[in-house]
Structure formats: C-alpha cells, structure tokens
Amino acid sequence: DGLKFIPYWDKHSPVRKISPASSKVMVSAYSREGKLMLIAMNDTDKAVGVVVALDLKRLFPKSKKKSIVLVDPFTKQEQKLMNSKVIVDIKPRGYRILINQ
C-alpha cells in the first residue's frame, strides 16, 4: 500500500527535528504518496516549540508541491510551512499529530 514509517532516529530522514536539541523531544512520520502524518512528542516537563524541516522532494517525489498545509486533526489548527519548516508547539509530556490537507 506504499505506507512508509519515518523514524525519529533516522539521521538522513526527509523529516528532521531542527530544535530543540533535547533527545526527549522526538518527531516521526508516516507518508504515502501525497499524504503525510507527523507525530511529535515532548517527554520533558516544559512546553516546547519544535522546529521540523520537511524535504518535500524526498517525501513526495512525484509531486511538484513546494509547500503544504498541516492540520491538527483534533483542534483543526493549521500549521503552514515557512522555508520548508514548521513549528509545532507541544505541552509538557504531550504530543501533537499533524496531517497534510
């Protein structure tokens, strides 16, 4: 079915956490042609803004998209890519899921 898991520990991933540097903040993803689901987890006692870089050419090689809009399926809040990056705010000991439209 073409579903691919992109683990947080993959150093050559098309989905990379830029900051914070803490190993207790992780970002993994699932992708399928044209679709993406990001899962970001904060295992610290402080709220964090996680900067995530997305390589859209590697994620969607058949698409010419230069940007996507990610949406939190629970809150319906949109997160737009800026320079191929998105900032995901996460509460202490929390997680966020974002999917593209």
Protein backbone atom coordinates (compact mmCIF):
# COMPACT_ATOMS: atom_id res chain seq x y z
CA ASP A 1 0.00 0.00 0.00
CA GLY A 2 3.07 2.28 -0.09
CA LEU A 3 2.89 3.39 3.55
CA LYS A 4 6.32 4.35 4.87
CA PHE A 5 7.36 4.91 8.50
CA ILE A 6 9.93 7.65 9.01
CA PRO A 7 11.51 7.15 12.45
CA TYR A 8 12.83 9.94 14.66
CA TRP A 9 16.23 8.23 14.95
CA ASP A 10 16.93 8.26 11.18
CA LYS A 11 19.67 10.89 10.69
CA HIS A 12 19.03 11.01 6.90
CA SER A 13 15.27 11.38 7.17
CA PRO A 14 13.24 13.74 4.94
CA VAL A 15 11.55 14.76 8.23
CA ARG A 16 14.12 16.25 10.62
CA LYS A 17 13.84 17.89 14.01
CA ILE A 18 15.94 21.06 13.93
CA SER A 19 15.32 22.15 17.52
CA PRO A 20 15.22 21.78 20.46
CA ALA A 21 18.35 19.64 20.82
CA SER A 22 16.82 17.53 23.61
CA SER A 23 16.67 13.79 22.93
CA LYS A 24 13.40 13.82 24.87
CA VAL A 25 11.66 15.66 22.01
CA MET A 26 11.04 13.41 19.01
CA VAL A 27 9.40 13.66 15.60
CA SER A 28 8.43 10.67 13.48
CA ALA A 29 6.13 10.47 10.48
CA TYR A 30 4.18 8.22 8.18
CA SER A 31 3.98 9.01 4.48
CA ARG A 32 2.15 7.69 1.48
CA GLU A 33 2.24 9.33 -1.95
CA GLY A 34 0.81 12.81 -1.44
CA LYS A 35 0.00 12.27 2.25
CA LEU A 36 1.94 12.92 5.44
CA MET A 37 1.24 12.44 9.14
CA LEU A 38 3.72 13.95 11.62
CA ILE A 39 3.81 12.76 15.21
CA ALA A 40 5.79 15.00 17.58
CA MET A 41 6.31 14.06 21.23
CA ASN A 42 7.60 16.11 24.15
CA ASP A 43 8.82 13.96 27.04
CA THR A 44 10.04 16.95 29.11
CA ASP A 45 8.48 18.98 31.92
CA LYS A 46 8.41 22.19 29.83
CA ALA A 47 6.36 23.30 26.83
CA VAL A 48 8.43 23.38 23.65
CA GLY A 49 8.24 24.78 20.15
CA VAL A 50 9.64 22.07 17.90
CA VAL A 51 11.12 23.20 14.59
CA VAL A 52 10.72 20.47 11.96
CA ALA A 53 12.25 20.57 8.46
CA LEU A 54 10.45 18.73 5.67
CA ASP A 55 12.14 17.73 2.41
CA LEU A 56 9.08 17.70 0.17
CA LYS A 57 11.01 16.45 -2.88
CA ARG A 58 12.05 13.34 -0.99
CA LEU A 59 8.68 12.87 0.72
CA PHE A 60 6.64 13.31 -2.47
CA PRO A 61 8.93 12.59 -5.45
CA LYS A 62 6.06 12.52 -7.96
CA SER A 63 4.63 15.87 -6.82
CA LYS A 64 5.74 19.37 -7.73
CA LYS A 65 4.42 20.85 -4.46
CA LYS A 66 6.70 23.43 -2.90
CA SER A 67 4.61 23.76 0.25
CA ILE A 68 1.87 22.00 2.18
CA VAL A 69 -0.54 22.93 4.95
CA LEU A 70 -0.53 20.68 8.00
CA VAL A 71 -3.62 20.42 10.20
CA ASP A 72 -4.07 19.16 13.75
CA PRO A 73 -6.98 16.70 13.37
CA PHE A 74 -8.16 17.36 16.94
CA THR A 75 -8.09 21.18 17.08
CA LYS A 76 -8.31 21.85 13.31
CA GLN A 77 -5.46 24.35 13.76
CA GLU A 78 -3.43 24.86 10.57
CA GLN A 79 0.36 24.95 10.50
CA LYS A 80 1.90 26.37 7.32
CA LEU A 81 5.39 25.59 6.12
CA MET A 82 7.79 28.53 6.08
CA ASN A 83 11.03 27.84 4.16
CA SER A 84 10.29 24.10 4.32
CA LYS A 85 9.97 24.26 8.12
CA VAL A 86 7.08 24.13 10.55
CA ILE A 87 6.98 25.00 14.26
CA VAL A 88 4.94 22.62 16.40
CA ASP A 89 4.04 23.78 19.92
CA ILE A 90 3.74 20.90 22.39
CA LYS A 91 2.72 20.92 26.04
CA PRO A 92 4.86 19.20 28.70
CA ARG A 93 4.66 15.39 28.44
CA GLY A 94 2.41 15.88 25.42
CA TYR A 95 2.25 15.10 21.72
CA ARG A 96 0.84 16.57 18.53
CA ILE A 97 -0.31 14.93 15.35
CA LEU A 98 -0.37 16.93 12.10
CA ILE A 99 -1.65 15.74 8.73
CA ASN A 100 -1.49 17.44 5.35
CA GLN A 101 -4.63 18.54 3.51
